[in-house]
mmCIF file of all heavy atoms, coordinates in Angstrom:
data_MODEL
# 
_entry.id   MODEL 
# 
loop_
_atom_site.group_PDB 
_atom_site.id 
_atom_site.type_symbol 
_atom_site.label_atom_id 
_atom_site.label_alt_id 
_atom_site.label_comp_id 
_atom_site.label_asym_id 
_atom_site.label_entity_id 
_atom_site.label_seq_id 
_atom_site.pdbx_PDB_ins_code 
_atom_site.Cartn_x 
_atom_site.Cartn_y 
_atom_site.Cartn_z 
_atom_site.occupancy 
_atom_site.B_iso_or_equiv 
_atom_site.pdbx_formal_charge 
_atom_site.auth_seq_id 
_atom_site.auth_comp_id 
_atom_site.auth_asym_id 
_atom_site.auth_atom_id 
_atom_site.pdbx_PDB_model_num 
ATOM 1   N N   . THR A 1 1  ? 0.817  -1.267  0.006  1.00 0.00 ? 1  THR A N   1 
ATOM 2   C CA  . THR A 1 1  ? -0.021 0.032   0.020  1.00 0.00 ? 1  THR A CA  1 
ATOM 3   C C   . THR A 1 1  ? 0.907  1.298   -0.016 1.00 0.00 ? 1  THR A C   1 
ATOM 4   O O   . THR A 1 1  ? 1.659  1.438   0.798  1.00 0.00 ? 1  THR A O   1 
ATOM 5   C CB  . THR A 1 1  ? -0.906 0.020   1.266  1.00 0.00 ? 1  THR A CB  1 
ATOM 6   O OG1 . THR A 1 1  ? -1.653 -1.201  1.136  1.00 0.00 ? 1  THR A OG1 1 
ATOM 7   C CG2 . THR A 1 1  ? -1.805 1.259   1.140  1.00 0.00 ? 1  THR A CG2 1 
ATOM 8   N N   . ILE A 1 2  ? 0.689  2.107   -0.936 1.00 0.00 ? 2  ILE A N   1 
ATOM 9   C CA  . ILE A 1 2  ? 1.326  3.289   -0.959 1.00 0.00 ? 2  ILE A CA  1 
ATOM 10  C C   . ILE A 1 2  ? 0.518  4.438   -0.495 1.00 0.00 ? 2  ILE A C   1 
ATOM 11  O O   . ILE A 1 2  ? -0.678 4.430   -0.838 1.00 0.00 ? 2  ILE A O   1 
ATOM 12  C CB  . ILE A 1 2  ? 1.796  3.650   -2.446 1.00 0.00 ? 2  ILE A CB  1 
ATOM 13  C CG1 . ILE A 1 2  ? 2.712  5.036   -2.343 1.00 0.00 ? 2  ILE A CG1 1 
ATOM 14  C CG2 . ILE A 1 2  ? 0.707  3.959   -3.338 1.00 0.00 ? 2  ILE A CG2 1 
ATOM 15  C CD1 . ILE A 1 2  ? 3.368  5.161   -3.786 1.00 0.00 ? 2  ILE A CD1 1 
ATOM 16  N N   . SER A 1 3  ? 1.013  5.448   0.269  1.00 0.00 ? 3  SER A N   1 
ATOM 17  C CA  . SER A 1 3  ? 0.254  6.576   0.738  1.00 0.00 ? 3  SER A CA  1 
ATOM 18  C C   . SER A 1 3  ? 1.149  7.663   0.947  1.00 0.00 ? 3  SER A C   1 
ATOM 19  O O   . SER A 1 3  ? 2.386  7.542   0.950  1.00 0.00 ? 3  SER A O   1 
ATOM 20  C CB  . SER A 1 3  ? -0.367 6.141   2.263  1.00 0.00 ? 3  SER A CB  1 
ATOM 21  O OG  . SER A 1 3  ? 0.550  5.836   3.128  1.00 0.00 ? 3  SER A OG  1 
ATOM 22  N N   . ARG A 1 4  ? 0.497  8.862   1.166  1.00 0.00 ? 4  ARG A N   1 
ATOM 23  C CA  . ARG A 1 4  ? 1.333  10.049  1.254  1.00 0.00 ? 4  ARG A CA  1 
ATOM 24  C C   . ARG A 1 4  ? 0.755  11.011  2.386  1.00 0.00 ? 4  ARG A C   1 
ATOM 25  O O   . ARG A 1 4  ? -0.487 10.979  2.581  1.00 0.00 ? 4  ARG A O   1 
ATOM 26  C CB  . ARG A 1 4  ? 1.504  10.912  0.048  1.00 0.00 ? 4  ARG A CB  1 
ATOM 27  C CG  . ARG A 1 4  ? 0.218  11.395  -0.550 1.00 0.00 ? 4  ARG A CG  1 
ATOM 28  C CD  . ARG A 1 4  ? 0.461  11.910  -2.053 1.00 0.00 ? 4  ARG A CD  1 
ATOM 29  N NE  . ARG A 1 4  ? 1.519  12.874  -2.138 1.00 0.00 ? 4  ARG A NE  1 
ATOM 30  C CZ  . ARG A 1 4  ? 2.005  13.359  -3.280 1.00 0.00 ? 4  ARG A CZ  1 
ATOM 31  N NH1 . ARG A 1 4  ? 1.712  12.777  -4.352 1.00 0.00 ? 4  ARG A NH1 1 
ATOM 32  N NH2 . ARG A 1 4  ? 2.909  14.239  -3.325 1.00 0.00 ? 4  ARG A NH2 1 
ATOM 33  N N   . ASP A 1 5  ? 1.537  11.645  3.105  1.00 0.00 ? 5  ASP A N   1 
ATOM 34  C CA  . ASP A 1 5  ? 1.150  12.688  4.165  1.00 0.00 ? 5  ASP A CA  1 
ATOM 35  C C   . ASP A 1 5  ? 1.798  13.994  3.654  1.00 0.00 ? 5  ASP A C   1 
ATOM 36  O O   . ASP A 1 5  ? 2.934  14.131  3.985  1.00 0.00 ? 5  ASP A O   1 
ATOM 37  C CB  . ASP A 1 5  ? 1.504  12.297  5.522  1.00 0.00 ? 5  ASP A CB  1 
ATOM 38  C CG  . ASP A 1 5  ? 0.879  13.191  6.563  1.00 0.00 ? 5  ASP A CG  1 
ATOM 39  O OD1 . ASP A 1 5  ? 0.615  14.342  6.303  1.00 0.00 ? 5  ASP A OD1 1 
ATOM 40  O OD2 . ASP A 1 5  ? 0.751  12.718  7.677  1.00 0.00 ? 5  ASP A OD2 1 
ATOM 41  N N   . ASN A 1 6  ? 1.056  14.798  2.965  1.00 0.00 ? 6  ASN A N   1 
ATOM 42  C CA  . ASN A 1 6  ? 1.668  16.038  2.389  1.00 0.00 ? 6  ASN A CA  1 
ATOM 43  C C   . ASN A 1 6  ? 2.144  17.113  3.551  1.00 0.00 ? 6  ASN A C   1 
ATOM 44  O O   . ASN A 1 6  ? 3.061  17.692  3.391  1.00 0.00 ? 6  ASN A O   1 
ATOM 45  C CB  . ASN A 1 6  ? 0.750  16.728  1.474  1.00 0.00 ? 6  ASN A CB  1 
ATOM 46  C CG  . ASN A 1 6  ? 0.501  15.850  0.293  1.00 0.00 ? 6  ASN A CG  1 
ATOM 47  O OD1 . ASN A 1 6  ? 1.404  15.207  -0.248 1.00 0.00 ? 6  ASN A OD1 1 
ATOM 48  N ND2 . ASN A 1 6  ? -0.731 16.101  -0.373 1.00 0.00 ? 6  ASN A ND2 1 
ATOM 49  N N   . ALA A 1 7  ? 1.349  16.960  4.601  1.00 0.00 ? 7  ALA A N   1 
ATOM 50  C CA  . ALA A 1 7  ? 1.723  17.903  5.816  1.00 0.00 ? 7  ALA A CA  1 
ATOM 51  C C   . ALA A 1 7  ? 3.102  17.567  6.354  1.00 0.00 ? 7  ALA A C   1 
ATOM 52  O O   . ALA A 1 7  ? 3.827  18.314  6.939  1.00 0.00 ? 7  ALA A O   1 
ATOM 53  C CB  . ALA A 1 7  ? 0.632  17.853  6.772  1.00 0.00 ? 7  ALA A CB  1 
ATOM 54  N N   . LYS A 1 8  ? 3.440  16.186  6.330  1.00 0.00 ? 8  LYS A N   1 
ATOM 55  C CA  . LYS A 1 8  ? 4.783  15.722  6.813  1.00 0.00 ? 8  LYS A CA  1 
ATOM 56  C C   . LYS A 1 8  ? 5.774  15.580  5.712  1.00 0.00 ? 8  LYS A C   1 
ATOM 57  O O   . LYS A 1 8  ? 6.823  15.156  5.953  1.00 0.00 ? 8  LYS A O   1 
ATOM 58  C CB  . LYS A 1 8  ? 4.503  14.403  7.592  1.00 0.00 ? 8  LYS A CB  1 
ATOM 59  C CG  . LYS A 1 8  ? 3.680  14.541  8.756  1.00 0.00 ? 8  LYS A CG  1 
ATOM 60  C CD  . LYS A 1 8  ? 3.486  13.285  9.509  1.00 0.00 ? 8  LYS A CD  1 
ATOM 61  C CE  . LYS A 1 8  ? 2.497  13.351  10.730 1.00 0.00 ? 8  LYS A CE  1 
ATOM 62  N NZ  . LYS A 1 8  ? 2.350  12.031  11.466 1.00 0.00 ? 8  LYS A NZ  1 
ATOM 63  N N   . ASN A 1 9  ? 5.328  15.821  4.550  1.00 0.00 ? 9  ASN A N   1 
ATOM 64  C CA  . ASN A 1 9  ? 6.299  15.761  3.297  1.00 0.00 ? 9  ASN A CA  1 
ATOM 65  C C   . ASN A 1 9  ? 6.878  14.271  3.220  1.00 0.00 ? 9  ASN A C   1 
ATOM 66  O O   . ASN A 1 9  ? 8.016  14.019  3.051  1.00 0.00 ? 9  ASN A O   1 
ATOM 67  C CB  . ASN A 1 9  ? 7.458  16.734  3.414  1.00 0.00 ? 9  ASN A CB  1 
ATOM 68  C CG  . ASN A 1 9  ? 6.973  18.105  3.206  1.00 0.00 ? 9  ASN A CG  1 
ATOM 69  O OD1 . ASN A 1 9  ? 5.912  18.430  2.578  1.00 0.00 ? 9  ASN A OD1 1 
ATOM 70  N ND2 . ASN A 1 9  ? 7.700  19.052  3.791  1.00 0.00 ? 9  ASN A ND2 1 
ATOM 71  N N   . THR A 1 10 ? 6.096  13.303  3.441  1.00 0.00 ? 10 THR A N   1 
ATOM 72  C CA  . THR A 1 10 ? 6.460  11.938  3.601  1.00 0.00 ? 10 THR A CA  1 
ATOM 73  C C   . THR A 1 10 ? 5.529  11.046  2.708  1.00 0.00 ? 10 THR A C   1 
ATOM 74  O O   . THR A 1 10 ? 4.324  11.231  2.668  1.00 0.00 ? 10 THR A O   1 
ATOM 75  C CB  . THR A 1 10 ? 6.308  11.501  4.997  1.00 0.00 ? 10 THR A CB  1 
ATOM 76  O OG1 . THR A 1 10 ? 7.211  12.406  5.742  1.00 0.00 ? 10 THR A OG1 1 
ATOM 77  C CG2 . THR A 1 10 ? 6.814  10.064  5.143  1.00 0.00 ? 10 THR A CG2 1 
ATOM 78  N N   . VAL A 1 11 ? 6.173  10.060  2.008  1.00 0.00 ? 11 VAL A N   1 
ATOM 79  C CA  . VAL A 1 11 ? 5.544  8.990   1.391  1.00 0.00 ? 11 VAL A CA  1 
ATOM 80  C C   . VAL A 1 11 ? 5.796  7.595   1.979  1.00 0.00 ? 11 VAL A C   1 
ATOM 81  O O   . VAL A 1 11 ? 7.008  7.471   2.327  1.00 0.00 ? 11 VAL A O   1 
ATOM 82  C CB  . VAL A 1 11 ? 5.858  9.112   -0.225 1.00 0.00 ? 11 VAL A CB  1 
ATOM 83  C CG1 . VAL A 1 11 ? 5.106  8.076   -0.898 1.00 0.00 ? 11 VAL A CG1 1 
ATOM 84  C CG2 . VAL A 1 11 ? 5.732  10.384  -0.674 1.00 0.00 ? 11 VAL A CG2 1 
ATOM 85  N N   . TYR A 1 12 ? 4.821  6.791   2.027  1.00 0.00 ? 12 TYR A N   1 
ATOM 86  C CA  . TYR A 1 12 ? 4.992  5.551   2.585  1.00 0.00 ? 12 TYR A CA  1 
ATOM 87  C C   . TYR A 1 12 ? 4.759  4.328   1.623  1.00 0.00 ? 12 TYR A C   1 
ATOM 88  O O   . TYR A 1 12 ? 4.033  4.472   0.695  1.00 0.00 ? 12 TYR A O   1 
ATOM 89  C CB  . TYR A 1 12 ? 4.012  5.341   3.799  1.00 0.00 ? 12 TYR A CB  1 
ATOM 90  C CG  . TYR A 1 12 ? 4.242  6.490   4.957  1.00 0.00 ? 12 TYR A CG  1 
ATOM 91  C CD1 . TYR A 1 12 ? 3.257  7.544   4.828  1.00 0.00 ? 12 TYR A CD1 1 
ATOM 92  C CD2 . TYR A 1 12 ? 5.176  6.416   5.882  1.00 0.00 ? 12 TYR A CD2 1 
ATOM 93  C CE1 . TYR A 1 12 ? 3.393  8.598   5.723  1.00 0.00 ? 12 TYR A CE1 1 
ATOM 94  C CE2 . TYR A 1 12 ? 5.213  7.402   6.777  1.00 0.00 ? 12 TYR A CE2 1 
ATOM 95  C CZ  . TYR A 1 12 ? 4.341  8.481   6.729  1.00 0.00 ? 12 TYR A CZ  1 
ATOM 96  O OH  . TYR A 1 12 ? 4.397  9.511   7.763  1.00 0.00 ? 12 TYR A OH  1 
ATOM 97  N N   . LEU A 1 13 ? 5.373  3.252   1.882  1.00 0.00 ? 13 LEU A N   1 
ATOM 98  C CA  . LEU A 1 13 ? 5.077  1.923   1.390  1.00 0.00 ? 13 LEU A CA  1 
ATOM 99  C C   . LEU A 1 13 ? 4.930  0.935   2.387  1.00 0.00 ? 13 LEU A C   1 
ATOM 100 O O   . LEU A 1 13 ? 5.923  0.446   2.886  1.00 0.00 ? 13 LEU A O   1 
ATOM 101 C CB  . LEU A 1 13 ? 6.181  1.604   0.317  1.00 0.00 ? 13 LEU A CB  1 
ATOM 102 C CG  . LEU A 1 13 ? 5.820  0.407   -0.558 1.00 0.00 ? 13 LEU A CG  1 
ATOM 103 C CD1 . LEU A 1 13 ? 4.599  0.680   -1.496 1.00 0.00 ? 13 LEU A CD1 1 
ATOM 104 C CD2 . LEU A 1 13 ? 7.087  -0.104  -1.344 1.00 0.00 ? 13 LEU A CD2 1 
ATOM 105 N N   . GLN A 1 14 ? 3.771  0.550   2.740  1.00 0.00 ? 14 GLN A N   1 
ATOM 106 C CA  . GLN A 1 14 ? 3.463  -0.568  3.608  1.00 0.00 ? 14 GLN A CA  1 
ATOM 107 C C   . GLN A 1 14 ? 3.561  -1.834  2.766  1.00 0.00 ? 14 GLN A C   1 
ATOM 108 O O   . GLN A 1 14 ? 2.873  -1.957  1.789  1.00 0.00 ? 14 GLN A O   1 
ATOM 109 C CB  . GLN A 1 14 ? 2.117  -0.397  4.274  1.00 0.00 ? 14 GLN A CB  1 
ATOM 110 C CG  . GLN A 1 14 ? 1.719  -1.506  5.257  1.00 0.00 ? 14 GLN A CG  1 
ATOM 111 C CD  . GLN A 1 14 ? 2.670  -1.552  6.468  1.00 0.00 ? 14 GLN A CD  1 
ATOM 112 O OE1 . GLN A 1 14 ? 2.941  -0.635  6.987  1.00 0.00 ? 14 GLN A OE1 1 
ATOM 113 N NE2 . GLN A 1 14 ? 3.043  -2.767  6.757  1.00 0.00 ? 14 GLN A NE2 1 
ATOM 114 N N   . MET A 1 15 ? 4.370  -2.861  3.226  1.00 0.00 ? 15 MET A N   1 
ATOM 115 C CA  . MET A 1 15 ? 4.581  -4.088  2.519  1.00 0.00 ? 15 MET A CA  1 
ATOM 116 C C   . MET A 1 15 ? 4.258  -5.206  3.497  1.00 0.00 ? 15 MET A C   1 
ATOM 117 O O   . MET A 1 15 ? 4.911  -5.398  4.491  1.00 0.00 ? 15 MET A O   1 
ATOM 118 C CB  . MET A 1 15 ? 6.049  -4.121  2.104  1.00 0.00 ? 15 MET A CB  1 
ATOM 119 C CG  . MET A 1 15 ? 6.508  -3.008  1.238  1.00 0.00 ? 15 MET A CG  1 
ATOM 120 S SD  . MET A 1 15 ? 8.227  -3.126  0.578  1.00 0.00 ? 15 MET A SD  1 
ATOM 121 C CE  . MET A 1 15 ? 9.122  -3.231  2.070  1.00 0.00 ? 15 MET A CE  1 
ATOM 122 N N   . ASN A 1 16 ? 3.230  -5.898  3.074  1.00 0.00 ? 16 ASN A N   1 
ATOM 123 C CA  . ASN A 1 16 ? 2.839  -7.048  3.859  1.00 0.00 ? 16 ASN A CA  1 
ATOM 124 C C   . ASN A 1 16 ? 2.997  -8.413  3.101  1.00 0.00 ? 16 ASN A C   1 
ATOM 125 O O   . ASN A 1 16 ? 3.185  -8.273  1.948  1.00 0.00 ? 16 ASN A O   1 
ATOM 126 C CB  . ASN A 1 16 ? 1.304  -6.990  4.218  1.00 0.00 ? 16 ASN A CB  1 
ATOM 127 C CG  . ASN A 1 16 ? 0.984  -5.770  5.090  1.00 0.00 ? 16 ASN A CG  1 
ATOM 128 O OD1 . ASN A 1 16 ? 1.812  -5.380  5.950  1.00 0.00 ? 16 ASN A OD1 1 
ATOM 129 N ND2 . ASN A 1 16 ? -0.161 -5.160  4.927  1.00 0.00 ? 16 ASN A ND2 1 
ATOM 130 N N   . SER A 1 17 ? 2.980  -9.451  3.888  1.00 0.00 ? 17 SER A N   1 
ATOM 131 C CA  . SER A 1 17 ? 3.208  -10.801 3.155  1.00 0.00 ? 17 SER A CA  1 
ATOM 132 C C   . SER A 1 17 ? 4.287  -10.823 2.224  1.00 0.00 ? 17 SER A C   1 
ATOM 133 O O   . SER A 1 17 ? 4.239  -11.311 1.099  1.00 0.00 ? 17 SER A O   1 
ATOM 134 C CB  . SER A 1 17 ? 1.880  -11.055 2.405  1.00 0.00 ? 17 SER A CB  1 
ATOM 135 O OG  . SER A 1 17 ? 0.817  -11.206 3.276  1.00 0.00 ? 17 SER A OG  1 
ATOM 136 N N   . LEU A 1 18 ? 5.555  -10.347 2.673  1.00 0.00 ? 18 LEU A N   1 
ATOM 137 C CA  . LEU A 1 18 ? 6.721  -10.265 1.853  1.00 0.00 ? 18 LEU A CA  1 
ATOM 138 C C   . LEU A 1 18 ? 7.159  -11.560 1.450  1.00 0.00 ? 18 LEU A C   1 
ATOM 139 O O   . LEU A 1 18 ? 7.078  -12.568 2.120  1.00 0.00 ? 18 LEU A O   1 
ATOM 140 C CB  . LEU A 1 18 ? 7.780  -9.547  2.587  1.00 0.00 ? 18 LEU A CB  1 
ATOM 141 C CG  . LEU A 1 18 ? 7.683  -7.971  2.590  1.00 0.00 ? 18 LEU A CG  1 
ATOM 142 C CD1 . LEU A 1 18 ? 8.483  -7.448  3.736  1.00 0.00 ? 18 LEU A CD1 1 
ATOM 143 C CD2 . LEU A 1 18 ? 7.920  -7.269  1.358  1.00 0.00 ? 18 LEU A CD2 1 
ATOM 144 N N   . LYS A 1 19 ? 7.687  -11.635 0.124  1.00 0.00 ? 19 LYS A N   1 
ATOM 145 C CA  . LYS A 1 19 ? 8.182  -12.851 -0.552 1.00 0.00 ? 19 LYS A CA  1 
ATOM 146 C C   . LYS A 1 19 ? 9.635  -12.606 -0.773 1.00 0.00 ? 19 LYS A C   1 
ATOM 147 O O   . LYS A 1 19 ? 10.174 -11.444 -0.994 1.00 0.00 ? 19 LYS A O   1 
ATOM 148 C CB  . LYS A 1 19 ? 7.337  -13.075 -1.844 1.00 0.00 ? 19 LYS A CB  1 
ATOM 149 C CG  . LYS A 1 19 ? 5.778  -13.252 -1.502 1.00 0.00 ? 19 LYS A CG  1 
ATOM 150 C CD  . LYS A 1 19 ? 5.234  -13.500 -2.851 1.00 0.00 ? 19 LYS A CD  1 
ATOM 151 C CE  . LYS A 1 19 ? 3.601  -13.472 -2.730 1.00 0.00 ? 19 LYS A CE  1 
ATOM 152 N NZ  . LYS A 1 19 ? 2.926  -13.651 -4.004 1.00 0.00 ? 19 LYS A NZ  1 
ATOM 153 N N   . PRO A 1 20 ? 10.336 -13.735 -0.977 1.00 0.00 ? 20 PRO A N   1 
ATOM 154 C CA  . PRO A 1 20 ? 11.776 -13.572 -1.245 1.00 0.00 ? 20 PRO A CA  1 
ATOM 155 C C   . PRO A 1 20 ? 11.942 -12.851 -2.651 1.00 0.00 ? 20 PRO A C   1 
ATOM 156 O O   . PRO A 1 20 ? 13.048 -12.105 -2.825 1.00 0.00 ? 20 PRO A O   1 
ATOM 157 C CB  . PRO A 1 20 ? 12.234 -15.036 -1.514 1.00 0.00 ? 20 PRO A CB  1 
ATOM 158 C CG  . PRO A 1 20 ? 11.395 -15.765 -0.561 1.00 0.00 ? 20 PRO A CG  1 
ATOM 159 C CD  . PRO A 1 20 ? 9.972  -15.113 -0.605 1.00 0.00 ? 20 PRO A CD  1 
ATOM 160 N N   . GLU A 1 21 ? 10.995 -12.923 -3.524 1.00 0.00 ? 21 GLU A N   1 
ATOM 161 C CA  . GLU A 1 21 ? 11.238 -12.135 -4.827 1.00 0.00 ? 21 GLU A CA  1 
ATOM 162 C C   . GLU A 1 21 ? 10.985 -10.628 -4.743 1.00 0.00 ? 21 GLU A C   1 
ATOM 163 O O   . GLU A 1 21 ? 11.173 -9.938  -5.633 1.00 0.00 ? 21 GLU A O   1 
ATOM 164 C CB  . GLU A 1 21 ? 10.081 -12.713 -5.882 1.00 0.00 ? 21 GLU A CB  1 
ATOM 165 C CG  . GLU A 1 21 ? 8.784  -12.787 -5.402 1.00 0.00 ? 21 GLU A CG  1 
ATOM 166 C CD  . GLU A 1 21 ? 8.426  -14.299 -4.995 1.00 0.00 ? 21 GLU A CD  1 
ATOM 167 O OE1 . GLU A 1 21 ? 9.233  -14.884 -4.183 1.00 0.00 ? 21 GLU A OE1 1 
ATOM 168 O OE2 . GLU A 1 21 ? 7.320  -14.703 -5.281 1.00 0.00 ? 21 GLU A OE2 1 
ATOM 169 N N   . ASP A 1 22 ? 10.636 -10.316 -3.537 1.00 0.00 ? 22 ASP A N   1 
ATOM 170 C CA  . ASP A 1 22 ? 10.525 -8.802  -3.238 1.00 0.00 ? 22 ASP A CA  1 
ATOM 171 C C   . ASP A 1 22 ? 11.842 -8.298  -2.770 1.00 0.00 ? 22 ASP A C   1 
ATOM 172 O O   . ASP A 1 22 ? 12.093 -7.014  -2.632 1.00 0.00 ? 22 ASP A O   1 
ATOM 173 C CB  . ASP A 1 22 ? 9.469  -8.507  -2.030 1.00 0.00 ? 22 ASP A CB  1 
ATOM 174 C CG  . ASP A 1 22 ? 8.166  -8.923  -2.502 1.00 0.00 ? 22 ASP A CG  1 
ATOM 175 O OD1 . ASP A 1 22 ? 7.681  -8.621  -3.537 1.00 0.00 ? 22 ASP A OD1 1 
ATOM 176 O OD2 . ASP A 1 22 ? 7.379  -9.424  -1.529 1.00 0.00 ? 22 ASP A OD2 1 
ATOM 177 N N   . THR A 1 23 ? 12.879 -9.045  -2.665 1.00 0.00 ? 23 THR A N   1 
ATOM 178 C CA  . THR A 1 23 ? 14.194 -8.599  -2.225 1.00 0.00 ? 23 THR A CA  1 
ATOM 179 C C   . THR A 1 23 ? 14.696 -7.648  -3.294 1.00 0.00 ? 23 THR A C   1 
ATOM 180 O O   . THR A 1 23 ? 14.844 -8.040  -4.484 1.00 0.00 ? 23 THR A O   1 
ATOM 181 C CB  . THR A 1 23 ? 15.137 -9.802  -2.096 1.00 0.00 ? 23 THR A CB  1 
ATOM 182 O OG1 . THR A 1 23 ? 14.714 -10.576 -1.013 1.00 0.00 ? 23 THR A OG1 1 
ATOM 183 C CG2 . THR A 1 23 ? 16.537 -9.328  -1.811 1.00 0.00 ? 23 THR A CG2 1 
ATOM 184 N N   . ALA A 1 24 ? 15.132 -6.423  -2.859 1.00 0.00 ? 24 ALA A N   1 
ATOM 185 C CA  . ALA A 1 24 ? 15.659 -5.403  -3.796 1.00 0.00 ? 24 ALA A CA  1 
ATOM 186 C C   . ALA A 1 24 ? 16.038 -4.171  -3.026 1.00 0.00 ? 24 ALA A C   1 
ATOM 187 O O   . ALA A 1 24 ? 15.777 -4.142  -1.802 1.00 0.00 ? 24 ALA A O   1 
ATOM 188 C CB  . ALA A 1 24 ? 14.574 -4.989  -4.852 1.00 0.00 ? 24 ALA A CB  1 
ATOM 189 N N   . VAL A 1 25 ? 16.809 -3.294  -3.704 1.00 0.00 ? 25 VAL A N   1 
ATOM 190 C CA  . VAL A 1 25 ? 16.906 -1.980  -3.179 1.00 0.00 ? 25 VAL A CA  1 
ATOM 191 C C   . VAL A 1 25 ? 15.758 -1.160  -3.645 1.00 0.00 ? 25 VAL A C   1 
ATOM 192 O O   . VAL A 1 25 ? 15.318 -1.090  -4.762 1.00 0.00 ? 25 VAL A O   1 
ATOM 193 C CB  . VAL A 1 25 ? 18.152 -1.245  -3.689 1.00 0.00 ? 25 VAL A CB  1 
ATOM 194 C CG1 . VAL A 1 25 ? 18.290 0.156   -3.176 1.00 0.00 ? 25 VAL A CG1 1 
ATOM 195 C CG2 . VAL A 1 25 ? 19.450 -2.056  -3.178 1.00 0.00 ? 25 VAL A CG2 1 
ATOM 196 N N   . TYR A 1 26 ? 15.105 -0.570  -2.594 1.00 0.00 ? 26 TYR A N   1 
ATOM 197 C CA  . TYR A 1 26 ? 13.800 0.225   -2.953 1.00 0.00 ? 26 TYR A CA  1 
ATOM 198 C C   . TYR A 1 26 ? 14.114 1.779   -2.945 1.00 0.00 ? 26 TYR A C   1 
ATOM 199 O O   . TYR A 1 26 ? 14.763 2.277   -2.059 1.00 0.00 ? 26 TYR A O   1 
ATOM 200 C CB  . TYR A 1 26 ? 12.834 -0.141  -1.909 1.00 0.00 ? 26 TYR A CB  1 
ATOM 201 C CG  . TYR A 1 26 ? 12.061 -1.412  -2.165 1.00 0.00 ? 26 TYR A CG  1 
ATOM 202 C CD1 . TYR A 1 26 ? 12.725 -2.585  -1.869 1.00 0.00 ? 26 TYR A CD1 1 
ATOM 203 C CD2 . TYR A 1 26 ? 10.723 -1.373  -2.548 1.00 0.00 ? 26 TYR A CD2 1 
ATOM 204 C CE1 . TYR A 1 26 ? 12.150 -3.749  -2.102 1.00 0.00 ? 26 TYR A CE1 1 
ATOM 205 C CE2 . TYR A 1 26 ? 10.107 -2.633  -2.815 1.00 0.00 ? 26 TYR A CE2 1 
ATOM 206 C CZ  . TYR A 1 26 ? 10.818 -3.854  -2.548 1.00 0.00 ? 26 TYR A CZ  1 
ATOM 207 O OH  . TYR A 1 26 ? 10.239 -5.047  -2.693 1.00 0.00 ? 26 TYR A OH  1 
ATOM 208 N N   . TYR A 1 27 ? 13.660 2.385   -3.941 1.00 0.00 ? 27 TYR A N   1 
ATOM 209 C CA  . TYR A 1 27 ? 13.986 3.872   -4.211 1.00 0.00 ? 27 TYR A CA  1 
ATOM 210 C C   . TYR A 1 27 ? 12.608 4.601   -4.266 1.00 0.00 ? 27 TYR A C   1 
ATOM 211 O O   . TYR A 1 27 ? 11.585 4.173   -4.836 1.00 0.00 ? 27 TYR A O   1 
ATOM 212 C CB  . TYR A 1 27 ? 14.576 3.977   -5.453 1.00 0.00 ? 27 TYR A CB  1 
ATOM 213 C CG  . TYR A 1 27 ? 15.933 3.417   -5.620 1.00 0.00 ? 27 TYR A CG  1 
ATOM 214 C CD1 . TYR A 1 27 ? 16.185 2.183   -6.255 1.00 0.00 ? 27 TYR A CD1 1 
ATOM 215 C CD2 . TYR A 1 27 ? 17.064 4.023   -5.267 1.00 0.00 ? 27 TYR A CD2 1 
ATOM 216 C CE1 . TYR A 1 27 ? 17.372 1.550   -6.267 1.00 0.00 ? 27 TYR A CE1 1 
ATOM 217 C CE2 . TYR A 1 27 ? 18.371 3.560   -5.291 1.00 0.00 ? 27 TYR A CE2 1 
ATOM 218 C CZ  . TYR A 1 27 ? 18.476 2.217   -5.872 1.00 0.00 ? 27 TYR A CZ  1 
ATOM 219 O OH  . TYR A 1 27 ? 19.768 1.666   -6.040 1.00 0.00 ? 27 TYR A OH  1 
# 
């Protein structure tokens, strides 16, 4: 789930049920 809080100048990525194929550098 991607979300943003503009008041905090922050973007989030909630990652659930992670799998080995999700392994990476996230940008």
